[in-house]
Protein backbone atom coordinates (compact mmCIF):
# COMPACT_ATOMS: atom_id res chain seq x y z
CA MET A 1 -18.51 -17.14 0.45
CA PRO A 2 -16.18 -17.56 -2.51
CA THR A 3 -13.42 -20.08 -3.01
CA TYR A 4 -10.03 -18.52 -3.66
CA ASP A 5 -7.11 -20.12 -5.49
CA TYR A 6 -3.67 -19.71 -3.94
CA GLU A 7 -0.20 -20.59 -5.19
CA CYS A 8 3.06 -20.59 -3.26
CA ALA A 9 5.80 -18.62 -5.02
CA ALA A 10 8.47 -20.64 -3.18
CA CYS A 11 7.44 -24.28 -3.69
CA GLY A 12 4.70 -24.02 -6.35
CA HIS A 13 2.03 -25.67 -4.14
CA ARG A 14 -1.52 -24.82 -5.29
CA LEU A 15 -4.65 -24.92 -3.13
CA GLU A 16 -8.18 -23.58 -2.81
CA ILE A 17 -9.47 -21.91 0.32
CA PHE A 18 -13.13 -21.20 1.08
CA GLN A 19 -13.19 -17.86 2.93
CA PRO A 20 -15.28 -14.67 3.29
CA MET A 21 -14.70 -11.82 0.85
CA ASN A 22 -13.74 -9.39 3.59
CA SER A 23 -11.04 -11.61 5.16
CA GLU A 24 -7.35 -10.97 4.58
CA PRO A 25 -5.55 -13.20 2.07
CA LYS A 26 -3.55 -16.09 3.53
CA LYS A 27 0.23 -15.61 3.53
CA THR A 28 1.76 -18.86 4.84
CA CYS A 29 2.04 -21.93 2.62
CA PRO A 30 0.79 -25.10 4.37
CA GLU A 31 3.46 -27.21 2.58
CA CYS A 32 6.74 -25.32 2.99
CA LYS A 33 5.60 -22.93 5.78
CA LYS A 34 7.12 -19.93 3.96
CA LYS A 35 5.23 -16.64 3.73
CA ARG A 36 5.14 -16.67 -0.07
CA LEU A 37 1.49 -17.68 -0.65
CA GLU A 38 -0.26 -15.51 -3.27
CA ARG A 39 -3.96 -15.28 -4.07
CA GLN A 40 -4.61 -15.95 -7.76
CA ILE A 41 -7.13 -14.06 -9.85
CA GLY A 42 -9.66 -16.53 -11.21
CA ALA A 43 -12.40 -16.35 -13.79
CA GLY A 44 -15.06 -17.03 -11.18
CA GLY A 45 -17.99 -19.35 -11.54
CA GLY A 46 -20.80 -18.88 -14.00
CA ILE A 47 -24.06 -17.95 -12.35
CA ILE A 48 -27.16 -19.96 -13.13
CA PHE A 49 -30.35 -18.86 -11.43
CA LYS A 50 -32.72 -21.74 -10.77
CA GLY A 51 -36.09 -21.65 -9.13
CA SER A 52 -39.08 -19.36 -9.23
CA GLY A 53 -38.92 -15.62 -9.11
CA PHE A 54 -36.49 -14.88 -11.92
CA TYR A 55 -37.57 -13.09 -15.05
CA GLU A 56 -36.42 -14.58 -18.37
CA THR A 57 -34.00 -17.06 -16.82
CA ASP A 58 -36.67 -19.35 -15.42
CA TYR A 59 -36.40 -22.99 -16.38
CA ARG A 60 -40.02 -23.44 -17.46
CA SER A 61 -41.79 -26.77 -17.70
CA ASP A 62 -43.46 -27.92 -20.93
CA SER A 63 -46.92 -27.59 -19.40
CA TYR A 64 -46.20 -23.94 -18.53
CA LYS A 65 -44.98 -23.22 -22.07
CA LYS A 66 -48.11 -24.81 -23.60
CA ALA A 67 -50.40 -22.80 -21.31
CA ALA A 68 -48.52 -19.58 -22.11
CA LYS A 69 -48.84 -20.26 -25.85
CA ALA A 70 -52.57 -20.92 -25.49
CA ASP A 71 -52.97 -17.64 -23.60
CA GLN A 72 -51.00 -15.79 -26.25
CA ASP A 73 -53.08 -17.31 -29.06
CA ALA A 74 -56.32 -16.44 -27.26
CA ALA A 75 -55.17 -12.84 -26.82
CA SER A 76 -54.37 -12.51 -30.53
CA GLY A 77 -57.78 -13.88 -31.55
CA LYS A 78 -56.60 -17.30 -32.65
CA SER A 79 -57.41 -20.56 -31.03
CA SER A 80 -55.69 -23.89 -31.42
CA SER A 81 -58.84 -25.32 -33.06
CA ASP A 82 -58.85 -22.51 -35.68
CA SER A 83 -55.31 -23.29 -36.70
CA LYS A 84 -56.14 -27.00 -36.95
CA LYS A 85 -59.11 -26.31 -39.26
CA SER A 86 -57.04 -24.23 -41.65
CA ASP A 87 -54.24 -26.79 -41.67
CA SER A 88 -56.55 -29.77 -42.31
CA GLY A 89 -57.28 -28.76 -45.91
CA GLY A 90 -60.96 -28.12 -45.18
CA SER A 91 -61.04 -25.30 -47.64
CA THR A 92 -64.36 -24.78 -49.41
CA SER A 93 -63.12 -22.93 -52.47
CA GLY A 94 -64.22 -24.65 -55.68
CA SER A 95 -66.84 -26.82 -54.02
CA THR A 96 -69.77 -24.44 -54.49
CA LYS A 97 -71.40 -23.93 -57.83
CA PRO A 98 -71.33 -20.44 -59.23
CA THR A 99 -74.71 -18.81 -59.61
CA PRO A 100 -75.87 -18.62 -63.21
CA SER A 101 -75.83 -15.16 -64.70
CA LYS A 102 -79.19 -13.76 -65.66
CA GLU A 103 -79.44 -12.68 -69.23
CA SER A 104 -82.18 -10.26 -70.06
């Protein structure tokens, strides 16, 4: 059930009323008792979906994100140990001796 904002056109009193969407708007001001109460059009509340079962809006934990990345890397043929080896500077270029050319 939404919360509606009301303002009295006679006395200027403002209030919020929690009521069902299908109910009729209130007409009588609780302050001055005149039938000049008007429902205001509000911006509404922003919706934030929390919990499981939502698609991209899930608030994922760090452990879930790490597991998902590991699965993605495994599917693409990479592993976390492969990326560590290439980043560690363990390159072997220049460390082997070239084979001598045979002159006939």
